[in-house]
Structures are given as structure tokens and as C-alpha cells.
Amino acid sequence: MTELDKLQGTWRVASLETDGNTRSSDELSDAAITVRGNQFTSVGMGDAYHGTIELFPRKKPKAFDLVFTSGPAEGARNRGIYRLDADTWTICLATRGKTRPKSFKTKPDSGLALETLIRGTPPSLAKTKQVKPLLAVPATTASESTAPPTEIEGEWLMESAVFNGKPLRPEMLKWCKRVTLGNITKVFAGPSTMLDAVFELDPERGQIDYVNRSGENKGKAQTGIYDLRDDTLRICVAAPGKKRPGDFSSTRGDGRSYTVWRRAQT
């Protein structure tokens, strides 16, 4: 029996730690990964992710790659390591970059996710066959920013998004959230941090500038424009090194992100 044979079936997520933050058991009640052949599906983690799994059991520690064919990470290859002990499967996965984890632990700004999976279907999924949003994200804390609040302070829910000319599917919008405190803004898609940046606003010109604090663009600047009317926020940001957008749009190949947000009611 091969290692891939041993992974066949459904595994519920018993524990999850990302960037040094441990998720509660309530957040993971619907989270599971199903392996069929070399195909995998992950649910309850912010969206339904699909792709293929490649195993390298002769490496030390044992290694694997996830190649995503749909979901927010479509087209990405994430590298990881794993342990398999009967009905317990432990994985440590790099959610960004090309460096494979060396040990089973995470820390802030590592981009790593550590999961312990137990064979079997989560009871909530077995009963309802529904997936609930995982919106309890690591909050931006007061210690991260001492800057005064801006007009985009607070939490925002995504209404629409276009990345490099490709619209985000409507069913994925409910997993995305923006949290802004002082001069720090973060965007989350389920458990993943998609943006973590220091920003400046120029309300007179309707301009926003980012300096990324983590991820593949760490240390890089991005320029953009924004518009806030009532409780609707529009932001269009160019790729690092590209010219500031002149309008709120994104077409194929321009590298822009154009997102529309609705202020969350507290």
C-alpha cells in the first residue's frame, strides 16, 4: 500500500495554527479534506479548494505539494511536509512562497499553516452537508498601530472583486473580510491573510498607498485610488512597480486588484 493509498477518504481538521495563531474548535467544526485518487477537496476553510496532491515520502521529513485548480489559490503550488500515523495526519504547509517548511511549527509572518487531521467526516457536515463561513480571523490589534483612525477604519465585507481582470466568483465573496486599524489594513480570505500593509490616504486626491508588511510582496510599495460613499468603499491598486490606476477597473494582464467593500455593522 502506497502513502497515497493511506490518505484516501475524508479527514476532519482537529486543530489548525496559522502564523502562530491557533483557531478555536468552533471555527473548525466544518473543516475537512477529502482525498480521491490524487485529487483533494478542502471545505470549511474559507472556500471549497480543489486540486491535486503530490507526495514525496522518501524525503525527510516526508513532503508533499498541493496544486490548486480552483478556489482563491487557483494556479498556486503550495509546498509542505507531513506525518502519517494510522488515522492521524499532520501537515505543515507554506501558503505563500516556494520554500518548504523544515519543521512542524509556525510563527508570526511565516506564511505557514499547521494542521492535525483525524480520519472521518465532521459530525456537522455529516448531518447538514453545509459549509459555514470561517470569518473569525486574527484581528489587527491596537499594539500594531498607534496612528489615528482614518475614514476606512473598522471591518469591511467584500461585495465584489476583480484581480488581474478575473472576477472573484460570487460564492467566494462571503469568505473575504478587510480589517483596518490606524494605518494598518489587512485582507483575509477565510484563514488566509491576503494583504497585510501599512497605508496612507490622500482624501483630496482619492489616493491610497500601501507598503506590504508580509507575503511575497513584503517591503514593496503599491499605489492606488479609493472612493468612499456612505458605507461603500471602492479600492483599485496597481501591482508593485506599476503606475497608479486612473480609474476603477482591472483588465487581463494589468496586475490590478479592484475590490468593493461594505462596512460591517457592529
C-alpha atoms as a PDB file:
ATOM      1  CA  MET A   1       0.000   0.000   0.000  1.00  0.00           C
ATOM      2  CA  THR A   2       1.390   3.376  -1.012  1.00  0.00           C
ATOM      3  CA  GLU A   3       1.299   6.566   1.063  1.00  0.00           C
ATOM      4  CA  LEU A   4      -1.340   7.937  -1.304  1.00  0.00           C
ATOM      5  CA  ASP A   5      -3.486   4.849  -0.726  1.00  0.00           C
ATOM      6  CA  LYS A   6      -3.350   5.508   3.019  1.00  0.00           C
ATOM      7  CA  LEU A   7      -4.694   9.045   2.539  1.00  0.00           C
ATOM      8  CA  GLN A   8      -7.826   8.061   0.646  1.00  0.00           C
ATOM      9  CA  GLY A   9     -11.074   9.266   2.212  1.00  0.00           C
ATOM     10  CA  THR A  10     -12.186  12.182   4.375  1.00  0.00           C
ATOM     11  CA  TRP A  11     -10.160  13.775   7.163  1.00  0.00           C
ATOM     12  CA  ARG A  12     -11.592  16.296   9.624  1.00  0.00           C
ATOM     13  CA  VAL A  13      -9.398  19.144  10.818  1.00  0.00           C
ATOM     14  CA  ALA A  14      -8.871  18.634  14.564  1.00  0.00           C
ATOM     15  CA  SER A  15      -6.534  21.601  15.043  1.00  0.00           C
ATOM     16  CA  LEU A  16      -5.202  24.488  12.981  1.00  0.00           C
ATOM     17  CA  GLU A  17      -2.492  27.051  13.621  1.00  0.00           C
ATOM     18  CA  THR A  18      -1.616  29.779  11.095  1.00  0.00           C
ATOM     19  CA  ASP A  19       1.155  32.328  11.530  1.00  0.00           C
ATOM     20  CA  GLY A  20       1.357  31.471  15.236  1.00  0.00           C
ATOM     21  CA  ASN A  21      -2.415  31.862  15.783  1.00  0.00           C
ATOM     22  CA  THR A  22      -4.434  28.865  16.986  1.00  0.00           C
ATOM     23  CA  ARG A  23      -8.011  28.537  15.748  1.00  0.00           C
ATOM     24  CA  SER A  24     -10.845  27.547  18.062  1.00  0.00           C
ATOM     25  CA  SER A  25     -12.664  24.231  17.791  1.00  0.00           C
ATOM     26  CA  ASP A  26     -15.879  26.072  16.852  1.00  0.00           C
ATOM     27  CA  GLU A  27     -14.179  27.574  13.792  1.00  0.00           C
ATOM     28  CA  LEU A  28     -13.116  24.106  12.656  1.00  0.00           C
ATOM     29  CA  SER A  29     -16.426  22.313  13.126  1.00  0.00           C
ATOM     30  CA  ASP A  30     -16.986  22.000   9.355  1.00  0.00           C
ATOM     31  CA  ALA A  31     -13.373  21.850   8.191  1.00  0.00           C
ATOM     32  CA  ALA A  32     -12.285  18.743   6.294  1.00  0.00           C
ATOM     33  CA  ILE A  33     -10.082  17.474   3.483  1.00  0.00           C
ATOM     34  CA  THR A  34     -11.176  14.655   1.176  1.00  0.00           C
ATOM     35  CA  VAL A  35      -8.692  12.730  -0.976  1.00  0.00           C
ATOM     36  CA  ARG A  36      -9.865  10.734  -4.007  1.00  0.00           C
ATOM     37  CA  GLY A  37      -7.032   9.301  -6.075  1.00  0.00           C
ATOM     38  CA  ASN A  38      -4.584  12.187  -6.426  1.00  0.00           C
ATOM     39  CA  GLN A  39      -7.386  14.783  -6.161  1.00  0.00           C
ATOM     40  CA  PHE A  40      -8.210  16.689  -2.981  1.00  0.00           C
ATOM     41  CA  THR A  41     -11.060  18.914  -1.848  1.00  0.00           C
ATOM     42  CA  SER A  42     -10.855  21.131   1.231  1.00  0.00           C
ATOM     43  CA  VAL A  43     -14.026  22.624   2.740  1.00  0.00           C
ATOM     44  CA  GLY A  44     -14.823  24.783   5.750  1.00  0.00           C
ATOM     45  CA  MET A  45     -11.566  26.747   5.451  1.00  0.00           C
ATOM     46  CA  GLY A  46     -12.936  29.860   3.774  1.00  0.00           C
ATOM     47  CA  ASP A  47     -13.973  28.286   0.471  1.00  0.00           C
ATOM     48  CA  ALA A  48     -14.058  24.944  -1.321  1.00  0.00           C
ATOM     49  CA  TYR A  49     -10.490  24.398  -2.537  1.00  0.00           C
ATOM     50  CA  HIS A  50      -9.784  21.765  -5.201  1.00  0.00           C
ATOM     51  CA  GLY A  51      -6.591  20.429  -6.706  1.00  0.00           C
ATOM     52  CA  THR A  52      -4.085  17.614  -6.909  1.00  0.00           C
ATOM     53  CA  ILE A  53      -1.742  16.267  -4.270  1.00  0.00           C
ATOM     54  CA  GLU A  54       1.796  15.061  -4.956  1.00  0.00           C
ATOM     55  CA  LEU A  55       3.652  13.048  -2.297  1.00  0.00           C
ATOM     56  CA  PHE A  56       7.395  12.681  -1.739  1.00  0.00           C
ATOM     57  CA  PRO A  57       7.548  10.092   1.079  1.00  0.00           C
ATOM     58  CA  ARG A  58      11.291   9.447   0.712  1.00  0.00           C
ATOM     59  CA  LYS A  59      12.173  12.969   1.775  1.00  0.00           C
ATOM     60  CA  LYS A  60      12.989  13.682   5.418  1.00  0.00           C
ATOM     61  CA  PRO A  61      10.613  14.825   6.693  1.00  0.00           C
ATOM     62  CA  LYS A  62       8.088  13.425   4.256  1.00  0.00           C
ATOM     63  CA  ALA A  63       6.980  16.094   1.800  1.00  0.00           C
ATOM     64  CA  PHE A  64       4.014  16.930  -0.399  1.00  0.00           C
ATOM     65  CA  ASP A  65       2.784  19.589  -2.822  1.00  0.00           C
ATOM     66  CA  LEU A  66      -0.763  20.863  -3.284  1.00  0.00           C
ATOM     67  CA  VAL A  67      -1.525  22.192  -6.768  1.00  0.00           C
ATOM     68  CA  PHE A  68      -4.759  24.205  -6.672  1.00  0.00           C
ATOM     69  CA  THR A  69      -7.118  24.030  -9.629  1.00  0.00           C
ATOM     70  CA  SER A  70      -9.925  26.180  -8.150  1.00  0.00           C
ATOM     71  CA  GLY A  71     -10.655  28.413  -5.184  1.00  0.00           C
ATOM     72  CA  PRO A  72      -8.796  31.573  -4.074  1.00  0.00           C
ATOM     73  CA  ALA A  73      -5.421  29.870  -4.591  1.00  0.00           C
ATOM     74  CA  GLU A  74      -6.175  28.665  -8.138  1.00  0.00           C
ATOM     75  CA  GLY A  75      -2.947  28.052 -10.081  1.00  0.00           C
ATOM     76  CA  ALA A  76      -0.737  28.047  -6.977  1.00  0.00           C
ATOM     77  CA  ARG A  77       1.582  25.282  -5.812  1.00  0.00           C
ATOM     78  CA  ASN A  78       1.933  25.112  -2.022  1.00  0.00           C
ATOM     79  CA  ARG A  79       4.745  23.051  -0.535  1.00  0.00           C
ATOM     80  CA  GLY A  80       4.571  21.183   2.735  1.00  0.00           C
ATOM     81  CA  ILE A  81       5.741  18.374   4.968  1.00  0.00           C
ATOM     82  CA  TYR A  82       3.649  15.669   6.617  1.00  0.00           C
ATOM     83  CA  ARG A  83       3.481  12.838   9.146  1.00  0.00           C
ATOM     84  CA  LEU A  84       1.058   9.945   8.816  1.00  0.00           C
ATOM     85  CA  ASP A  85       0.340   7.766  11.848  1.00  0.00           C
ATOM     86  CA  ALA A  86      -2.613   5.425  11.316  1.00  0.00           C
ATOM     87  CA  ASP A  87      -5.680   7.693  11.460  1.00  0.00           C
ATOM     88  CA  THR A  88      -3.795  10.900  12.283  1.00  0.00           C
ATOM     89  CA  TRP A  89      -2.366  13.071   9.508  1.00  0.00           C
ATOM     90  CA  THR A  90      -0.241  16.079  10.452  1.00  0.00           C
ATOM     91  CA  ILE A  91       0.748  18.634   7.824  1.00  0.00           C
ATOM     92  CA  CYS A  92       2.693  21.884   7.791  1.00  0.00           C
ATOM     93  CA  LEU A  93       2.049  23.875   4.627  1.00  0.00           C
ATOM     94  CA  ALA A  94       3.624  27.034   3.198  1.00  0.00           C
ATOM     95  CA  THR A  95       0.704  29.166   1.999  1.00  0.00           C
ATOM     96  CA  ARG A  96       2.993  31.500   0.047  1.00  0.00           C
ATOM     97  CA  GLY A  97       6.449  31.413  -1.478  1.00  0.00           C
ATOM     98  CA  LYS A  98       8.477  28.465  -2.720  1.00  0.00           C
ATOM     99  CA  THR A  99      10.301  27.464   0.478  1.00  0.00           C
ATOM    100  CA  ARG A 100       9.174  24.175   2.024  1.00  0.00           C
ATOM    101  CA  PRO A 101       8.738  24.124   5.834  1.00  0.00           C
ATOM    102  CA  LYS A 102      11.527  22.406   7.756  1.00  0.00           C
ATOM    103  CA  SER A 103       9.624  21.639  10.971  1.00  0.00           C
ATOM    104  CA  PHE A 104       6.081  21.285  12.276  1.00  0.00           C
ATOM    105  CA  LYS A 105       5.587  24.742  13.763  1.00  0.00           C
ATOM    106  CA  THR A 106       4.519  28.236  12.743  1.00  0.00           C
ATOM    107  CA  LYS A 107       5.309  31.754  13.851  1.00  0.00           C
ATOM    108  CA  PRO A 108       4.007  35.244  13.002  1.00  0.00           C
ATOM    109  CA  ASP A 109       4.551  36.277   9.361  1.00  0.00           C
ATOM    110  CA  SER A 110       5.798  32.785   8.468  1.00  0.00           C
ATOM    111  CA  GLY A 111       3.008  32.101   5.979  1.00  0.00           C
ATOM    112  CA  LEU A 112       2.774  28.588   7.430  1.00  0.00           C
ATOM    113  CA  ALA A 113      -0.291  26.566   8.409  1.00  0.00           C
ATOM    114  CA  LEU A 114      -0.017  23.606  10.786  1.00  0.00           C
ATOM    115  CA  GLU A 115      -2.931  21.171  10.774  1.00  0.00           C
ATOM    116  CA  THR A 116      -3.751  17.956  12.583  1.00  0.00           C
ATOM    117  CA  LEU A 117      -6.327  15.860  10.757  1.00  0.00           C
ATOM    118  CA  ILE A 118      -8.246  12.837  12.039  1.00  0.00           C
ATOM    119  CA  ARG A 119      -9.809  10.323   9.702  1.00  0.00           C
ATOM    120  CA  GLY A 120     -13.570  10.750   9.466  1.00  0.00           C
ATOM    121  CA  THR A 121     -16.270  13.241   8.443  1.00  0.00           C
ATOM    122  CA  PRO A 122     -17.032  16.162  10.803  1.00  0.00           C
ATOM    123  CA  PRO A 123     -20.392  15.471  12.521  1.00  0.00           C
ATOM    124  CA  SER A 124     -21.800  18.833  11.406  1.00  0.00           C
ATOM    125  CA  LEU A 125     -21.047  18.058   7.746  1.00  0.00           C
ATOM    126  CA  ALA A 126     -22.382  14.543   8.039  1.00  0.00           C
ATOM    127  CA  LYS A 127     -25.724  15.920   9.308  1.00  0.00           C
ATOM    128  CA  THR A 128     -26.191  19.062   7.242  1.00  0.00           C
ATOM    129  CA  LYS A 129     -23.768  18.749   4.323  1.00  0.00           C
ATOM    130  CA  GLN A 130     -23.366  22.516   4.502  1.00  0.00           C
ATOM    131  CA  VAL A 131     -20.276  24.670   4.872  1.00  0.00           C
ATOM    132  CA  LYS A 132     -20.310  27.747   7.080  1.00  0.00           C
ATOM    133  CA  PRO A 133     -18.033  30.739   6.524  1.00  0.00           C
ATOM    134  CA  LEU A 134     -14.851  30.849   8.585  1.00  0.00           C
ATOM    135  CA  LEU A 135     -14.723  34.571   9.270  1.00  0.00           C
ATOM    136  CA  ALA A 136     -13.126  34.581  12.715  1.00  0.00           C
ATOM    137  CA  VAL A 137      -9.760  35.888  11.540  1.00  0.00           C
ATOM    138  CA  PRO A 138      -6.750  37.100  13.529  1.00  0.00           C
ATOM    139  CA  ALA A 139      -7.682  40.689  14.331  1.00  0.00           C
ATOM    140  CA  THR A 140      -5.496  43.706  13.803  1.00  0.00           C
ATOM    141  CA  THR A 141      -4.608  44.695  17.350  1.00  0.00           C
ATOM    142  CA  ALA A 142      -4.124  48.115  18.865  1.00  0.00           C
ATOM    143  CA  SER A 143      -0.463  47.387  19.527  1.00  0.00           C
ATOM    144  CA  GLU A 144       0.205  47.174  15.781  1.00  0.00           C
ATOM    145  CA  SER A 145      -0.675  50.787  15.048  1.00  0.00           C
ATOM    146  CA  THR A 146      -0.580  53.980  17.084  1.00  0.00           C
ATOM    147  CA  ALA A 147      -1.733  56.098  14.142  1.00  0.00           C
ATOM    148  CA  PRO A 148      -5.099  57.882  14.379  1.00  0.00           C
ATOM    149  CA  PRO A 149      -8.113  56.266  12.684  1.00  0.00           C
ATOM    150  CA  THR A 150      -8.901  57.120   9.074  1.00  0.00           C
ATOM    151  CA  GLU A 151     -12.214  57.167   7.244  1.00  0.00           C
ATOM    152  CA  ILE A 152     -11.742  53.482   6.329  1.00  0.00           C
ATOM    153  CA  GLU A 153     -11.300  52.400   9.965  1.00  0.00           C
ATOM    154  CA  GLY A 154     -13.027  49.192  11.053  1.00  0.00           C
ATOM    155  CA  GLU A 155     -14.255  45.982   9.420  1.00  0.00           C
ATOM    156  CA  TRP A 156     -15.453  45.639   5.846  1.00  0.00           C
ATOM    157  CA  LEU A 157     -17.201  42.799   3.995  1.00  0.00           C
ATOM    158  CA  MET A 158     -16.413  42.170   0.347  1.00  0.00           C
ATOM    159  CA  GLU A 159     -19.131  42.886  -2.225  1.00  0.00           C
ATOM    160  CA  SER A 160     -17.123  42.275  -5.411  1.00  0.00           C
ATOM    161  CA  ALA A 161     -13.545  41.839  -6.585  1.00  0.00           C
ATOM    162  CA  VAL A 162     -11.574  41.638  -9.834  1.00  0.00           C
ATOM    163  CA  PHE A 163      -7.949  40.522  -9.797  1.00  0.00           C
ATOM    164  CA  ASN A 164      -5.866  40.955 -12.947  1.00  0.00           C
ATOM    165  CA  GLY A 165      -9.069  41.089 -14.972  1.00  0.00           C
ATOM    166  CA  LYS A 166     -10.575  37.963 -13.394  1.00  0.00           C
ATOM    167  CA  PRO A 167     -13.729  38.476 -11.280  1.00  0.00           C
ATOM    168  CA  LEU A 168     -13.952  36.630  -7.987  1.00  0.00           C
ATOM    169  CA  ARG A 169     -16.790  34.139  -8.059  1.00  0.00           C
ATOM    170  CA  PRO A 170     -19.882  35.357  -6.133  1.00  0.00           C
ATOM    171  CA  GLU A 171     -19.928  32.336  -3.823  1.00  0.00           C
ATOM    172  CA  MET A 172     -16.418  33.215  -2.630  1.00  0.00           C
ATOM    173  CA  LEU A 173     -17.211  36.772  -1.525  1.00  0.00           C
ATOM    174  CA  LYS A 174     -18.629  35.749   1.847  1.00  0.00           C
ATOM    175  CA  TRP A 175     -15.222  34.426   2.939  1.00  0.00           C
ATOM    176  CA  CYS A 176     -13.409  37.743   2.459  1.00  0.00           C
ATOM    177  CA  LYS A 177     -13.015  40.480   5.047  1.00  0.00           C
ATOM    178  CA  ARG A 178     -10.956  43.667   5.472  1.00  0.00           C
ATOM    179  CA  VAL A 179      -9.854  44.865   8.912  1.00  0.00           C
ATOM    180  CA  THR A 180      -8.315  48.340   9.265  1.00  0.00           C
ATOM    181  CA  LEU A 181      -6.904  49.912  12.420  1.00  0.00           C
ATOM    182  CA  GLY A 182      -4.972  53.165  12.309  1.00  0.00           C
ATOM    183  CA  ASN A 183      -2.555  52.878   9.390  1.00  0.00           C
ATOM    184  CA  ILE A 184      -2.648  49.062   9.200  1.00  0.00           C
ATOM    185  CA  THR A 185      -5.029  47.270   6.830  1.00  0.00           C
ATOM    186  CA  LYS A 186      -5.408  43.517   6.360  1.00  0.00           C
ATOM    187  CA  VAL A 187      -7.493  41.421   3.988  1.00  0.00           C
ATOM    188  CA  PHE A 188      -8.461  37.867   4.915  1.00  0.00           C
ATOM    189  CA  ALA A 189      -9.915  35.061   2.797  1.00  0.00           C
ATOM    190  CA  GLY A 190     -11.077  32.502   5.320  1.00  0.00           C
ATOM    191  CA  PRO A 191      -7.976  31.617   7.365  1.00  0.00           C
ATOM    192  CA  SER A 192      -5.522  33.096   4.857  1.00  0.00           C
ATOM    193  CA  THR A 193      -4.066  36.609   5.056  1.00  0.00           C
ATOM    194  CA  MET A 194      -4.183  38.043   1.529  1.00  0.00           C
ATOM    195  CA  LEU A 195      -2.941  41.553   2.398  1.00  0.00           C
ATOM    196  CA  ASP A 196      -1.052  42.980   5.379  1.00  0.00           C
ATOM    197  CA  ALA A 197       0.094  46.531   4.750  1.00  0.00           C
ATOM    198  CA  VAL A 198       0.833  49.967   6.151  1.00  0.00           C
ATOM    199  CA  PHE A 199      -1.147  52.537   4.186  1.00  0.00           C
ATOM    200  CA  GLU A 200      -1.556  56.269   3.655  1.00  0.00           C
ATOM    201  CA  LEU A 201      -4.638  58.068   2.381  1.00  0.00           C
ATOM    202  CA  ASP A 202      -4.871  61.323   0.431  1.00  0.00           C
ATOM    203  CA  PRO A 203      -8.599  62.105   0.704  1.00  0.00           C
ATOM    204  CA  GLU A 204      -8.401  65.181  -1.527  1.00  0.00           C
ATOM    205  CA  ARG A 205      -6.976  63.194  -4.439  1.00  0.00           C
ATOM    206  CA  GLY A 206      -8.711  59.946  -3.541  1.00  0.00           C
ATOM    207  CA  GLN A 207      -5.373  58.107  -3.417  1.00  0.00           C
ATOM    208  CA  ILE A 208      -4.168  55.210  -1.261  1.00  0.00           C
ATOM    209  CA  ASP A 209      -0.598  53.915  -0.984  1.00  0.00           C
ATOM    210  CA  TYR A 210       0.488  50.582   0.507  1.00  0.00           C
ATOM    211  CA  VAL A 211       3.768  49.220   1.824  1.00  0.00           C
ATOM    212  CA  ASN A 212       3.387  45.468   2.280  1.00  0.00           C
ATOM    213  CA  ARG A 213       4.421  44.068   5.652  1.00  0.00           C
ATOM    214  CA  SER A 214       4.348  40.370   4.748  1.00  0.00           C
ATOM    215  CA  GLY A 215       3.815  37.899   1.935  1.00  0.00           C
ATOM    216  CA  GLU A 216       5.507  37.688  -1.450  1.00  0.00           C
ATOM    217  CA  ASN A 217       5.431  41.496  -1.800  1.00  0.00           C
ATOM    218  CA  LYS A 218       6.893  42.206   1.639  1.00  0.00           C
ATOM    219  CA  GLY A 219       8.629  45.602   1.661  1.00  0.00           C
ATOM    220  CA  LYS A 220       7.220  46.577  -1.737  1.00  0.00           C
ATOM    221  CA  ALA A 221       5.077  49.653  -2.339  1.00  0.00           C
ATOM    222  CA  GLN A 222       1.812  49.781  -4.275  1.00  0.00           C
ATOM    223  CA  THR A 223      -0.198  52.796  -5.407  1.00  0.00           C
ATOM    224  CA  GLY A 224      -3.936  53.017  -5.797  1.00  0.00           C
ATOM    225  CA  ILE A 225      -7.097  55.065  -5.747  1.00  0.00           C
ATOM    226  CA  TYR A 226     -10.133  54.836  -3.488  1.00  0.00           C
ATOM    227  CA  ASP A 227     -13.655  56.174  -3.165  1.00  0.00           C
ATOM    228  CA  LEU A 228     -15.866  56.127  -0.063  1.00  0.00           C
ATOM    229  CA  ARG A 229     -19.542  56.943  -0.369  1.00  0.00           C
ATOM    230  CA  ASP A 230     -21.906  56.244   2.512  1.00  0.00           C
ATOM    231  CA  ASP A 231     -20.754  52.798   3.691  1.00  0.00           C
ATOM    232  CA  THR A 232     -19.384  51.552   0.360  1.00  0.00           C
ATOM    233  CA  LEU A 233     -15.617  51.573  -0.225  1.00  0.00           C
ATOM    234  CA  ARG A 234     -14.016  51.070  -3.645  1.00  0.00           C
ATOM    235  CA  ILE A 235     -10.259  50.452  -3.925  1.00  0.00           C
ATOM    236  CA  CYS A 236      -8.193  49.890  -7.076  1.00  0.00           C
ATOM    237  CA  VAL A 237      -4.497  49.141  -6.561  1.00  0.00           C
ATOM    238  CA  ALA A 238      -1.722  48.604  -9.101  1.00  0.00           C
ATOM    239  CA  ALA A 239       0.823  45.797  -8.911  1.00  0.00           C
ATOM    240  CA  PRO A 240       4.157  46.690  -7.242  1.00  0.00           C
ATOM    241  CA  GLY A 241       6.216  48.939  -9.504  1.00  0.00           C
ATOM    242  CA  LYS A 242       3.269  49.789 -11.774  1.00  0.00           C
ATOM    243  CA  LYS A 243       1.661  53.180 -12.398  1.00  0.00           C
ATOM    244  CA  ARG A 244      -1.210  54.312 -10.193  1.00  0.00           C
ATOM    245  CA  PRO A 245      -4.599  53.384 -11.735  1.00  0.00           C
ATOM    246  CA  GLY A 246      -6.536  56.174 -13.398  1.00  0.00           C
ATOM    247  CA  ASP A 247      -9.927  54.505 -12.977  1.00  0.00           C
ATOM    248  CA  PHE A 248     -11.688  51.765 -11.044  1.00  0.00           C
ATOM    249  CA  SER A 249     -11.137  48.789 -13.301  1.00  0.00           C
ATOM    250  CA  SER A 250      -8.987  45.726 -13.822  1.00  0.00           C
ATOM    251  CA  THR A 251      -8.363  44.005 -17.143  1.00  0.00           C
ATOM    252  CA  ARG A 252      -6.415  40.906 -18.013  1.00  0.00           C
ATOM    253  CA  GLY A 253      -2.690  41.422 -17.685  1.00  0.00           C
ATOM    254  CA  ASP A 254      -2.752  44.760 -15.835  1.00  0.00           C
ATOM    255  CA  GLY A 255      -1.988  43.201 -12.429  1.00  0.00           C
ATOM    256  CA  ARG A 256      -4.531  45.422 -10.690  1.00  0.00           C
ATOM    257  CA  SER A 257      -6.835  44.487  -7.841  1.00  0.00           C
ATOM    258  CA  TYR A 258     -10.223  46.214  -7.835  1.00  0.00           C
ATOM    259  CA  THR A 259     -12.344  45.493  -4.771  1.00  0.00           C
ATOM    260  CA  VAL A 260     -15.636  46.851  -3.435  1.00  0.00           C
ATOM    261  CA  TRP A 261     -16.409  46.649   0.295  1.00  0.00           C
ATOM    262  CA  ARG A 262     -19.413  47.255   2.537  1.00  0.00           C
ATOM    263  CA  ARG A 263     -18.870  48.495   6.076  1.00  0.00           C
ATOM    264  CA  ALA A 264     -19.720  45.757   8.580  1.00  0.00           C
ATOM    265  CA  GLN A 265     -22.471  46.666  11.019  1.00  0.00           C
ATOM    266  CA  THR A 266     -21.395  46.226  14.638  1.00  0.00           C
END
